[in-house]
Amino acid sequence: MLKLHINKVVSLKADILSGLTVALALVPEAVAFAFVANVDPIVGLYAAFMVGLITAIFGGRPGMISGATGAMAVVMVSLVLEHSVQYLFAAVLLTGILQILFGVFKLGKFIRMVPHPVMLGFVNGLAIVIFLAQLGQFKVADENGVMQWMQGEMLYTMLGLIALTMAIIHFLPKLTSAVPSALVAIVVVSLAVVGLDIETKVVGDVASIAGELPSFMIPDVPFTWETLAIIFPYSLILAAIGLIESLLTLTLIDELTQTRGQSNKECVAQGLANTTNGFFGGMGGCAMIGQSMINVNSGGRGRASGITAALALLGFILFASGLIEQIPLAALIGVMFIVVIATFEWSSFRALKKIPRSDAFILILVSGVTVATDLAIAVIVGVIVSALVFAWEHAKHVIVKRSTDENGSTVYEVEGPLFFGAISNFKSQFQVNDDAGDVIIDFQNSRVYDHSGIEAIDGLAERYTQAGKKLHLRHLSPECKVLFSKASDCVELNVMEDPNYHIASDKLS
């Protein structure tokens, strides 16, 4: 009992220390992602607090950190610009409801259907989008209020501070890992700007982040079908992106910790968090791959780590807002550039020469669609194209070998999967007019996967019946036999040799 108690104390200590580390690193990212979404920084900080706290308590993956993310932020921009931040809150509320329904109906398992090339394209596209979003910070308003690219000393100062930020983040971990390098970089650059009186844009120039406790509010939008038509596409995309990134992160943490999270429970928790954000003025969010990695590597394994991170972040909002407003925008941009470099899978360039051309095409396609549209559409397109490629490749693997047995019967041995994509190739390999009066089709090395395959077999039976020939089917599943209503009088089935496996058919449920 003493040993068990000590282990629990040690684990709690590790979770608390890890949570504090994560909270320090969350501040600049939450502010930066708020700028990406074109909302006040406090909206991003509120989101990081509420999403982080709720998912830490109710989520299906202890140790995973959630907050405001760039993947969702880039989708929010057009909604905020075309309408208002209130429409964003309504969209986030609806996003949460959709995610809850996704978890209630236990659809989280379908994350396993995302192929690896799609995941690589997803990650690379996300990195590119975050990078492009930072370029807007290099523009300033001229005397006419028109946004122009920075020039001269202002540009050089911005680039110099960005380079200094990135250098600190890169080299500091080689000396010590006691504190987050991103936090140190922001503090050092901020002190340099204040101490040397360097003229550059800071967070306070854009917006004040003096925060209070989030307060309950109903989004100030008309509750009409027109409003629903505006926010629903955004909500659907945000829900998909949030769950995809969360479940991908969950899978990653599972592999690192050699444990298994609950995907459907995590979907519900993400939905509860975003619903809460909609009522309390947060921009919404999902699981964060980078912060989750920081937490796990720092020793955080339990729910206490995420709870500590969220509560510590709230403390920063309430008591340290003045310090955050002095952070130079260049420091935040530098942090985001490091996130981009770390997120992008540079190994994919080498992999392009080694993987099949179809996988390389899918990787590039998903990355391109991500940049051109959004992550949800990119992943959906990638999954569809992967499925079509899979079907096409396996359609070519159906081989039918024709022979004659000792009784003079024509025997066809089928090899490979029989499904909708292979039907044409399958039927073209039968010689009905040249076959003997007694024909045997052996499915010992083949499996019928769908109703299209069954219909193809039934069509063959009808062709042989019209030719006045007897057809026998061997090693066919019992489920297939149930569906042979048209060929019941002309098809002979070898029941004793048939294996028991299941195919997808509503008639069998």
Protein backbone atom coordinates (compact mmCIF):
# COMPACT_ATOMS: atom_id res chain seq x y z
CA MET A 1 0.00 0.00 0.00
CA LEU A 2 2.90 2.36 0.83
CA LYS A 3 4.50 1.73 -2.56
CA LEU A 4 1.20 2.39 -4.33
CA HIS A 5 0.76 5.66 -2.43
CA ILE A 6 4.30 6.81 -3.29
CA ASN A 7 3.74 6.04 -6.98
CA LYS A 8 0.56 8.11 -6.96
CA VAL A 9 2.35 11.04 -5.29
CA VAL A 10 5.23 10.89 -7.77
CA SER A 11 2.79 10.71 -10.69
CA LEU A 12 0.80 13.70 -9.40
CA LYS A 13 3.99 15.74 -8.93
CA ALA A 14 5.11 14.93 -12.48
CA ASP A 15 1.68 15.86 -13.84
CA ILE A 16 1.64 19.22 -12.01
CA LEU A 17 5.17 20.20 -13.09
CA SER A 18 4.48 19.10 -16.64
CA GLY A 19 1.19 21.02 -16.65
CA LEU A 20 2.93 24.23 -15.55
CA THR A 21 5.46 23.82 -18.35
CA VAL A 22 2.69 23.32 -20.91
CA ALA A 23 0.77 26.36 -19.61
CA LEU A 24 3.80 28.61 -20.12
CA ALA A 25 4.18 27.38 -23.67
CA LEU A 26 0.41 27.70 -24.35
CA VAL A 27 0.29 31.47 -23.83
CA PRO A 28 2.18 32.59 -26.93
CA GLU A 29 0.56 29.96 -29.14
CA ALA A 30 -2.98 30.83 -28.03
CA VAL A 31 -2.32 34.51 -28.71
CA ALA A 32 -0.70 33.75 -32.06
CA PHE A 33 -3.59 31.54 -33.21
CA ALA A 34 -6.04 34.24 -32.18
CA PHE A 35 -4.29 36.60 -34.58
CA VAL A 36 -4.50 33.92 -37.27
CA ALA A 37 -8.28 33.76 -36.77
CA ASN A 38 -8.48 37.58 -36.74
CA VAL A 39 -10.01 37.75 -33.26
CA ASP A 40 -8.90 39.36 -30.01
CA PRO A 41 -6.12 37.48 -28.20
CA ILE A 42 -8.34 37.01 -25.15
CA VAL A 43 -10.69 34.92 -27.30
CA GLY A 44 -7.84 32.54 -28.06
CA LEU A 45 -6.75 32.43 -24.40
CA TYR A 46 -10.32 31.71 -23.24
CA ALA A 47 -10.53 28.90 -25.77
CA ALA A 48 -7.23 27.38 -24.64
CA PHE A 49 -8.41 27.45 -21.01
CA MET A 50 -11.89 26.02 -21.54
CA VAL A 51 -10.97 23.40 -24.14
CA GLY A 52 -7.94 22.35 -22.14
CA LEU A 53 -9.85 22.03 -18.85
CA ILE A 54 -12.92 20.19 -20.13
CA THR A 55 -11.03 17.70 -22.31
CA ALA A 56 -8.57 17.03 -19.49
CA ILE A 57 -11.47 16.11 -17.17
CA PHE A 58 -13.77 14.23 -19.56
CA GLY A 59 -11.50 13.24 -22.47
CA GLY A 60 -10.65 9.74 -23.56
CA ARG A 61 -6.87 10.26 -23.58
CA PRO A 62 -5.24 11.32 -20.25
CA GLY A 63 -2.11 13.36 -20.84
CA MET A 64 -3.29 14.83 -24.14
CA ILE A 65 -3.42 18.65 -24.27
CA SER A 66 -6.11 20.58 -26.14
CA GLY A 67 -6.44 24.27 -26.90
CA ALA A 68 -6.78 26.80 -29.71
CA THR A 69 -5.08 25.45 -32.84
CA GLY A 70 -3.91 26.82 -36.15
CA ALA A 71 -5.77 24.12 -38.08
CA MET A 72 -9.12 25.45 -36.87
CA ALA A 73 -8.05 29.09 -36.77
CA VAL A 74 -7.41 29.31 -40.51
CA VAL A 75 -10.99 28.17 -41.20
CA MET A 76 -12.46 30.86 -38.95
CA VAL A 77 -10.89 33.82 -40.75
CA SER A 78 -13.41 34.25 -43.55
CA LEU A 79 -16.39 33.82 -41.20
CA VAL A 80 -15.10 36.54 -38.88
CA LEU A 81 -14.25 38.92 -41.74
CA GLU A 82 -17.50 38.41 -43.68
CA HIS A 83 -19.82 38.46 -40.68
CA SER A 84 -18.63 38.96 -37.09
CA VAL A 85 -17.08 37.24 -34.11
CA GLN A 86 -20.59 36.51 -32.79
CA TYR A 87 -21.19 34.28 -35.80
CA LEU A 88 -17.94 32.54 -34.92
CA PHE A 89 -19.24 31.80 -31.41
CA ALA A 90 -22.46 30.39 -32.91
CA ALA A 91 -20.44 28.26 -35.34
CA VAL A 92 -18.24 26.94 -32.51
CA LEU A 93 -21.38 26.07 -30.52
CA LEU A 94 -22.79 24.09 -33.44
CA THR A 95 -19.36 22.51 -33.96
CA GLY A 96 -19.49 21.13 -30.44
CA ILE A 97 -22.94 19.66 -30.98
CA LEU A 98 -21.80 17.89 -34.16
CA GLN A 99 -18.75 16.47 -32.37
CA ILE A 100 -20.89 15.17 -29.51
CA LEU A 101 -23.16 13.41 -32.00
CA PHE A 102 -20.09 11.95 -33.69
CA GLY A 103 -18.98 10.42 -30.40
CA VAL A 104 -22.46 9.30 -29.30
CA PHE A 105 -22.87 7.33 -32.51
CA LYS A 106 -19.39 5.81 -31.96
CA LEU A 107 -17.87 7.03 -35.21
CA GLY A 108 -14.44 7.72 -33.74
CA LYS A 109 -13.16 4.36 -34.95
CA PHE A 110 -13.23 5.58 -38.55
CA ILE A 111 -10.01 7.53 -37.96
CA ARG A 112 -8.33 4.20 -38.69
CA MET A 113 -9.49 4.53 -42.29
CA VAL A 114 -7.25 7.55 -42.92
CA PRO A 115 -4.27 6.26 -44.96
CA HIS A 116 -0.74 7.29 -44.03
CA PRO A 117 -0.13 9.35 -47.22
CA VAL A 118 -3.26 11.34 -46.38
CA MET A 119 -1.96 11.96 -42.87
CA LEU A 120 1.40 13.15 -44.24
CA GLY A 121 -0.34 15.46 -46.70
CA PHE A 122 -2.57 16.70 -43.88
CA VAL A 123 0.41 17.61 -41.71
CA ASN A 124 2.39 19.23 -44.52
CA GLY A 125 -0.60 21.23 -45.70
CA LEU A 126 -1.25 22.43 -42.16
CA ALA A 127 2.35 23.65 -41.89
CA ILE A 128 2.10 25.54 -45.17
CA VAL A 129 -1.20 27.17 -44.17
CA ILE A 130 0.20 28.34 -40.83
CA PHE A 131 3.25 29.78 -42.60
CA LEU A 132 1.14 31.71 -45.12
CA ALA A 133 -1.04 33.04 -42.31
CA GLN A 134 2.00 34.71 -40.72
CA LEU A 135 2.82 36.74 -43.82
CA GLY A 136 -0.07 39.09 -43.08
CA GLN A 137 1.84 40.42 -40.07
CA PHE A 138 4.42 41.89 -42.47
CA LYS A 139 1.89 44.44 -43.70
CA VAL A 140 1.17 47.87 -42.20
CA ALA A 141 -1.42 50.51 -43.00
CA ASP A 142 -0.27 53.58 -44.95
CA GLU A 143 -1.67 57.09 -44.53
CA ASN A 144 -4.75 56.08 -46.55
CA GLY A 145 -5.40 52.98 -44.46
CA VAL A 146 -4.31 50.62 -47.24
CA MET A 147 -2.25 47.65 -46.10
CA GLN A 148 1.25 47.68 -47.59
CA TRP A 149 4.26 45.40 -47.17
CA MET A 150 6.83 46.57 -44.64
CA GLN A 151 9.93 48.20 -46.03
CA GLY A 152 13.21 49.56 -44.81
CA GLU A 153 14.16 49.66 -41.14
CA MET A 154 10.80 48.39 -39.93
CA LEU A 155 11.13 45.24 -42.06
CA TYR A 156 14.74 44.63 -41.06
CA THR A 157 13.87 45.03 -37.38
CA MET A 158 11.01 42.56 -37.70
CA LEU A 159 13.19 40.00 -39.50
CA GLY A 160 16.00 40.43 -36.98
CA LEU A 161 13.72 39.81 -34.00
CA ILE A 162 12.17 36.80 -35.74
CA ALA A 163 15.63 35.36 -36.39
CA LEU A 164 16.64 35.94 -32.76
CA THR A 165 13.48 34.18 -31.54
CA MET A 166 14.04 31.19 -33.78
CA ALA A 167 17.72 30.95 -32.82
CA ILE A 168 16.91 30.84 -29.10
CA ILE A 169 14.21 28.18 -29.61
CA HIS A 170 16.60 26.08 -31.68
CA PHE A 171 19.77 26.30 -29.59
CA LEU A 172 18.51 26.56 -26.00
CA PRO A 173 17.39 22.89 -25.74
CA LYS A 174 21.01 21.91 -26.47
CA LEU A 175 22.00 23.66 -23.22
CA THR A 176 19.03 22.96 -20.96
CA SER A 177 15.48 21.60 -21.10
CA ALA A 178 14.43 22.90 -17.69
CA VAL A 179 12.14 25.54 -19.20
CA PRO A 180 10.32 25.72 -22.55
CA SER A 181 12.59 27.29 -25.15
CA ALA A 182 9.67 29.12 -26.78
CA LEU A 183 8.87 30.87 -23.52
CA VAL A 184 12.51 31.85 -22.98
CA ALA A 185 12.71 33.20 -26.53
CA ILE A 186 9.62 35.37 -26.05
CA VAL A 187 10.86 36.70 -22.70
CA VAL A 188 14.36 37.48 -24.05
CA VAL A 189 13.07 39.20 -27.21
CA SER A 190 10.50 41.16 -25.19
CA LEU A 191 13.18 42.34 -22.73
CA ALA A 192 15.47 43.27 -25.60
CA VAL A 193 12.73 45.37 -27.24
CA VAL A 194 11.93 47.17 -23.96
CA GLY A 195 15.52 47.53 -22.77
CA LEU A 196 16.92 48.77 -26.07
CA ASP A 197 13.80 50.83 -26.85
CA ILE A 198 13.34 49.10 -30.21
CA GLU A 199 10.37 50.36 -32.17
CA THR A 200 8.27 47.41 -33.34
CA LYS A 201 4.70 46.17 -33.18
CA VAL A 202 3.63 44.52 -29.91
CA VAL A 203 0.50 42.63 -28.92
CA GLY A 204 -0.86 45.67 -27.08
CA ASP A 205 -0.80 47.69 -30.31
CA VAL A 206 -3.27 45.29 -31.83
CA ALA A 207 -5.60 44.62 -28.91
CA SER A 208 -5.79 44.62 -25.15
CA ILE A 209 -5.87 41.20 -23.51
CA ALA A 210 -6.77 42.29 -20.01
CA GLY A 211 -8.92 39.37 -19.04
CA GLU A 212 -11.57 38.43 -16.54
CA LEU A 213 -13.29 35.15 -15.87
CA PRO A 214 -15.19 34.00 -18.97
CA SER A 215 -18.86 34.94 -18.63
CA PHE A 216 -21.92 33.17 -20.01
CA MET A 217 -23.42 34.69 -23.12
CA ILE A 218 -25.71 33.56 -25.91
CA PRO A 219 -24.20 34.39 -29.33
CA ASP A 220 -25.71 37.66 -30.58
CA VAL A 221 -26.97 36.37 -33.91
CA PRO A 222 -30.49 36.01 -35.32
CA PHE A 223 -31.79 32.50 -34.73
CA THR A 224 -33.01 31.95 -38.28
CA TRP A 225 -32.51 29.45 -41.08
CA GLU A 226 -30.37 32.05 -42.83
CA THR A 227 -27.95 32.11 -39.90
CA LEU A 228 -27.84 28.32 -39.86
CA ALA A 229 -27.06 28.31 -43.59
CA ILE A 230 -24.13 30.67 -42.93
CA ILE A 231 -22.56 28.87 -39.98
CA PHE A 232 -23.30 25.22 -40.79
CA PRO A 233 -20.60 24.77 -43.49
CA TYR A 234 -18.01 26.30 -41.16
CA SER A 235 -19.20 24.20 -38.23
CA LEU A 236 -19.04 21.01 -40.25
CA ILE A 237 -15.50 21.79 -41.40
CA LEU A 238 -14.39 22.81 -37.90
CA ALA A 239 -15.90 19.66 -36.40
CA ALA A 240 -14.15 17.46 -38.94
CA ILE A 241 -10.80 19.22 -38.55
CA GLY A 242 -11.02 19.20 -34.77
CA LEU A 243 -11.83 15.50 -34.56
CA ILE A 244 -9.30 14.48 -37.20
CA GLU A 245 -6.46 16.34 -35.47
CA SER A 246 -7.60 15.19 -32.01
CA LEU A 247 -7.88 11.54 -32.96
CA LEU A 248 -4.59 11.61 -34.84
CA THR A 249 -2.95 13.07 -31.73
CA LEU A 250 -4.66 10.44 -29.58
CA THR A 251 -3.22 7.70 -31.77
CA LEU A 252 0.25 9.24 -31.49
CA ILE A 253 0.08 9.46 -27.69
CA ASP A 254 -1.17 5.86 -27.56
CA GLU A 255 1.97 4.76 -29.39
CA LEU A 256 4.28 6.80 -27.17
CA THR A 257 2.77 5.63 -23.88
CA GLN A 258 1.93 2.06 -24.95
CA THR A 259 -1.63 2.59 -23.74
CA ARG A 260 -4.98 2.89 -25.50
CA GLY A 261 -7.24 5.92 -25.41
CA GLN A 262 -10.99 6.01 -26.02
CA SER A 263 -11.68 7.75 -29.32
CA ASN A 264 -15.45 8.07 -28.95
CA LYS A 265 -15.15 9.46 -25.43
CA GLU A 266 -12.64 12.00 -26.73
CA CYS A 267 -15.09 13.06 -29.46
CA VAL A 268 -17.76 13.77 -26.83
CA ALA A 269 -15.30 15.69 -24.65
CA GLN A 270 -14.13 17.82 -27.59
CA GLY A 271 -17.79 18.51 -28.37
CA LEU A 272 -18.56 19.55 -24.77
CA ALA A 273 -15.52 21.84 -24.79
CA ASN A 274 -16.48 23.60 -28.02
CA THR A 275 -20.11 23.92 -26.97
CA THR A 276 -18.90 25.63 -23.80
CA ASN A 277 -16.67 27.89 -25.90
CA GLY A 278 -19.67 29.02 -27.90
CA PHE A 279 -21.48 30.11 -24.72
CA PHE A 280 -18.43 31.68 -23.03
CA GLY A 281 -16.75 33.58 -25.85
CA GLY A 282 -13.95 31.23 -26.91
CA MET A 283 -12.78 30.56 -30.45
CA GLY A 284 -12.91 26.78 -30.03
CA GLY A 285 -10.12 24.28 -30.42
CA CYS A 286 -8.97 20.69 -30.42
CA ALA A 287 -6.03 18.52 -29.39
CA MET A 288 -2.57 20.01 -29.94
CA ILE A 289 0.14 17.69 -31.21
CA GLY A 290 3.03 19.93 -30.11
CA GLN A 291 1.75 20.66 -26.59
CA SER A 292 0.77 17.02 -26.07
CA MET A 293 4.30 16.00 -26.99
CA ILE A 294 5.71 18.55 -24.51
CA ASN A 295 3.46 17.16 -21.79
CA VAL A 296 4.30 13.51 -22.38
CA ASN A 297 8.03 14.18 -22.70
CA SER A 298 7.91 16.19 -19.46
CA GLY A 299 6.38 13.28 -17.55
CA GLY A 300 2.69 14.17 -17.78
CA ARG A 301 0.57 11.07 -18.07
CA GLY A 302 -2.58 11.71 -16.05
CA ARG A 303 -5.52 14.08 -16.15
CA ALA A 304 -3.91 16.31 -13.54
CA SER A 305 -1.38 17.53 -16.13
CA GLY A 306 -4.07 18.93 -18.43
CA ILE A 307 -6.08 20.36 -15.52
CA THR A 308 -2.98 22.09 -14.14
CA ALA A 309 -2.12 23.55 -17.54
CA ALA A 310 -5.63 25.00 -17.97
CA LEU A 311 -5.85 26.50 -14.47
CA ALA A 312 -2.35 27.98 -14.73
CA LEU A 313 -3.30 29.55 -18.06
CA LEU A 314 -6.37 31.13 -16.41
CA GLY A 315 -4.05 32.58 -13.76
CA PHE A 316 -1.96 34.17 -16.49
CA ILE A 317 -5.10 35.72 -18.04
CA LEU A 318 -6.28 37.21 -14.76
CA PHE A 319 -3.02 38.43 -13.28
CA ALA A 320 -0.37 38.73 -16.03
CA SER A 321 -2.19 40.40 -18.94
CA GLY A 322 0.01 43.51 -18.78
CA LEU A 323 3.13 41.48 -19.40
CA ILE A 324 1.59 39.59 -22.34
CA GLU A 325 0.66 42.89 -24.04
CA GLN A 326 4.37 43.80 -24.18
CA ILE A 327 5.23 40.74 -26.29
CA PRO A 328 6.52 41.78 -29.75
CA LEU A 329 4.59 40.32 -32.65
CA ALA A 330 7.92 39.29 -34.16
CA ALA A 331 8.46 36.90 -31.25
CA LEU A 332 5.10 35.22 -31.87
CA ILE A 333 5.83 34.98 -35.59
CA GLY A 334 9.17 33.37 -34.79
CA VAL A 335 7.43 30.81 -32.57
CA MET A 336 4.99 30.01 -35.35
CA PHE A 337 7.79 29.64 -37.90
CA ILE A 338 9.43 27.09 -35.59
CA VAL A 339 6.07 25.30 -35.28
CA VAL A 340 5.88 25.22 -39.08
CA ILE A 341 9.38 23.78 -39.40
CA ALA A 342 8.69 21.16 -36.71
CA THR A 343 5.26 20.26 -38.12
CA PHE A 344 6.29 19.80 -41.74
CA GLU A 345 7.36 16.22 -42.49
CA TRP A 346 10.60 16.92 -44.32
CA SER A 347 11.22 13.20 -44.64
CA SER A 348 8.30 13.04 -47.07
CA PHE A 349 10.57 14.47 -49.80
CA ARG A 350 12.82 11.40 -49.52
CA ALA A 351 9.78 9.14 -49.22
CA LEU A 352 8.41 10.37 -52.54
CA LYS A 353 11.13 8.41 -54.35
CA LYS A 354 10.52 5.22 -52.39
CA ILE A 355 6.75 4.95 -52.02
CA PRO A 356 4.35 3.94 -54.83
CA ARG A 357 3.46 6.68 -57.29
CA SER A 358 -0.17 6.55 -56.21
CA ASP A 359 0.79 7.27 -52.58
CA ALA A 360 3.10 10.10 -53.68
CA PHE A 361 0.27 11.59 -55.74
CA ILE A 362 -2.13 11.40 -52.78
CA LEU A 363 0.41 13.06 -50.46
CA ILE A 364 0.92 15.97 -52.85
CA LEU A 365 -2.81 16.21 -53.63
CA VAL A 366 -3.83 16.43 -49.97
CA SER A 367 -1.18 19.07 -49.28
CA GLY A 368 -2.33 21.14 -52.26
CA VAL A 369 -6.03 20.86 -51.42
CA THR A 370 -5.26 21.83 -47.82
CA VAL A 371 -3.61 25.04 -48.94
CA ALA A 372 -6.26 25.81 -51.56
CA THR A 373 -9.34 24.99 -49.44
CA ASP A 374 -9.23 23.54 -45.93
CA LEU A 375 -8.03 20.51 -44.02
CA ALA A 376 -11.37 18.71 -43.80
CA ILE A 377 -11.95 18.75 -47.55
CA ALA A 378 -8.34 17.72 -48.10
CA VAL A 379 -8.63 14.69 -45.85
CA ILE A 380 -11.96 13.67 -47.39
CA VAL A 381 -10.52 14.00 -50.90
CA GLY A 382 -7.46 12.03 -49.86
CA VAL A 383 -9.52 9.20 -48.38
CA ILE A 384 -11.74 9.00 -51.48
CA VAL A 385 -8.79 8.97 -53.88
CA SER A 386 -7.01 6.36 -51.73
CA ALA A 387 -10.12 4.18 -51.78
CA LEU A 388 -10.39 4.48 -55.57
CA VAL A 389 -6.71 3.61 -56.00
CA PHE A 390 -7.13 0.63 -53.68
CA ALA A 391 -10.17 -0.58 -55.61
CA TRP A 392 -8.44 -0.16 -58.97
CA GLU A 393 -5.31 -2.02 -57.88
CA HIS A 394 -7.22 -4.92 -56.35
CA ALA A 395 -9.60 -5.11 -59.29
CA LYS A 396 -6.66 -6.24 -61.41
CA HIS A 397 -5.82 -9.06 -58.99
CA VAL A 398 -8.83 -11.23 -59.83
CA ILE A 399 -7.53 -14.19 -61.81
CA VAL A 400 -9.63 -17.04 -63.13
CA LYS A 401 -7.85 -20.30 -64.09
CA ARG A 402 -9.71 -22.62 -66.45
CA SER A 403 -9.14 -26.41 -66.53
CA THR A 404 -10.90 -29.76 -67.02
CA ASP A 405 -11.18 -32.36 -64.25
CA GLU A 406 -11.23 -36.18 -64.51
CA ASN A 407 -15.02 -36.18 -64.99
CA GLY A 408 -14.84 -33.90 -68.00
CA SER A 409 -16.29 -30.92 -66.13
CA THR A 410 -14.96 -27.44 -66.78
CA VAL A 411 -13.39 -26.01 -63.59
CA TYR A 412 -12.78 -22.31 -62.94
CA GLU A 413 -10.54 -21.50 -59.96
CA VAL A 414 -10.99 -17.90 -58.83
CA GLU A 415 -8.13 -16.09 -57.10
CA GLY A 416 -8.38 -12.61 -55.56
CA PRO A 417 -11.14 -10.44 -54.06
CA LEU A 418 -14.46 -10.20 -55.82
CA PHE A 419 -16.09 -6.79 -55.35
CA PHE A 420 -17.64 -4.02 -57.41
CA GLY A 421 -14.34 -2.94 -58.98
CA ALA A 422 -13.39 -6.43 -60.16
CA ILE A 423 -16.72 -7.47 -61.66
CA SER A 424 -15.95 -6.64 -65.29
CA ASN A 425 -12.60 -8.41 -65.22
CA PHE A 426 -14.18 -11.41 -63.47
CA LYS A 427 -17.02 -11.93 -65.96
CA SER A 428 -14.80 -11.47 -69.02
CA GLN A 429 -12.73 -14.56 -68.17
CA PHE A 430 -15.59 -17.09 -68.58
CA GLN A 431 -16.14 -18.96 -71.88
CA VAL A 432 -19.76 -20.06 -71.59
CA ASN A 433 -20.16 -21.37 -75.14
CA ASP A 434 -16.92 -23.40 -75.08
CA ASP A 435 -17.42 -24.98 -71.64
CA ALA A 436 -18.64 -28.50 -70.93
CA GLY A 437 -22.20 -29.17 -69.87
CA ASP A 438 -21.07 -29.38 -66.26
CA VAL A 439 -19.24 -26.28 -64.94
CA ILE A 440 -17.62 -25.77 -61.50
CA ILE A 441 -16.54 -22.38 -60.09
CA ASP A 442 -14.23 -22.81 -57.07
CA PHE A 443 -13.96 -19.84 -54.66
CA GLN A 444 -11.46 -21.45 -52.27
CA ASN A 445 -8.84 -18.73 -53.00
CA SER A 446 -11.31 -15.92 -53.40
CA ARG A 447 -13.66 -13.95 -51.21
CA VAL A 448 -16.86 -12.19 -52.17
CA TYR A 449 -16.91 -8.77 -50.49
CA ASP A 450 -20.13 -7.11 -51.58
CA HIS A 451 -23.48 -7.51 -53.27
CA SER A 452 -22.01 -6.58 -56.65
CA GLY A 453 -19.94 -9.77 -56.52
CA ILE A 454 -23.02 -11.81 -55.70
CA GLU A 455 -24.94 -10.28 -58.59
CA ALA A 456 -22.04 -11.09 -60.94
CA ILE A 457 -22.15 -14.75 -59.89
CA ASP A 458 -25.91 -14.79 -60.25
CA GLY A 459 -25.56 -13.33 -63.77
CA LEU A 460 -23.15 -16.13 -64.70
CA ALA A 461 -25.65 -18.68 -63.42
CA GLU A 462 -28.33 -17.24 -65.69
CA ARG A 463 -25.97 -17.32 -68.72
CA TYR A 464 -25.14 -20.98 -68.13
CA THR A 465 -28.82 -21.83 -67.64
CA GLN A 466 -29.71 -20.19 -70.94
CA ALA A 467 -26.95 -22.24 -72.59
CA GLY A 468 -28.45 -25.41 -71.11
CA LYS A 469 -25.49 -26.10 -68.82
CA LYS A 470 -25.27 -26.98 -65.12
CA LEU A 471 -23.32 -24.66 -62.80
CA HIS A 472 -21.81 -25.66 -59.43
CA LEU A 473 -20.37 -23.17 -56.92
CA ARG A 474 -17.83 -24.42 -54.40
CA HIS A 475 -16.37 -22.81 -51.29
CA LEU A 476 -18.96 -20.06 -51.30
CA SER A 477 -19.99 -18.37 -48.03
CA PRO A 478 -23.39 -19.14 -46.46
CA GLU A 479 -24.25 -15.44 -46.64
CA CYS A 480 -23.90 -15.49 -50.39
CA LYS A 481 -26.22 -18.49 -50.67
CA VAL A 482 -29.01 -16.63 -48.91
CA LEU A 483 -28.99 -14.00 -51.61
CA PHE A 484 -29.15 -16.35 -54.59
CA SER A 485 -32.87 -16.10 -55.11
CA LYS A 486 -32.75 -15.88 -58.93
CA ALA A 487 -30.49 -18.89 -59.32
CA SER A 488 -32.10 -21.15 -56.75
CA ASP A 489 -33.24 -23.70 -59.36
CA CYS A 490 -30.07 -23.93 -61.39
CA VAL A 491 -27.21 -23.47 -58.96
CA GLU A 492 -25.81 -26.38 -56.98
CA LEU A 493 -23.92 -25.44 -53.81
CA ASN A 494 -21.26 -27.54 -52.04
CA VAL A 495 -22.23 -26.83 -48.43
CA MET A 496 -19.67 -29.07 -46.76
CA GLU A 497 -16.65 -27.20 -48.11
CA ASP A 498 -17.91 -23.65 -47.59
CA PRO A 499 -16.12 -21.47 -45.04
CA ASN A 500 -17.87 -19.14 -42.59
CA TYR A 501 -17.08 -15.50 -43.25
CA HIS A 502 -19.23 -12.42 -43.42
CA ILE A 503 -19.82 -9.90 -46.16
CA ALA A 504 -21.46 -6.50 -46.06
CA SER A 505 -25.15 -6.90 -46.81
CA ASP A 506 -28.22 -5.40 -45.18
CA LYS A 507 -30.13 -8.58 -45.88
CA LEU A 508 -27.96 -10.48 -43.46
CA SER A 509 -28.39 -8.20 -40.43
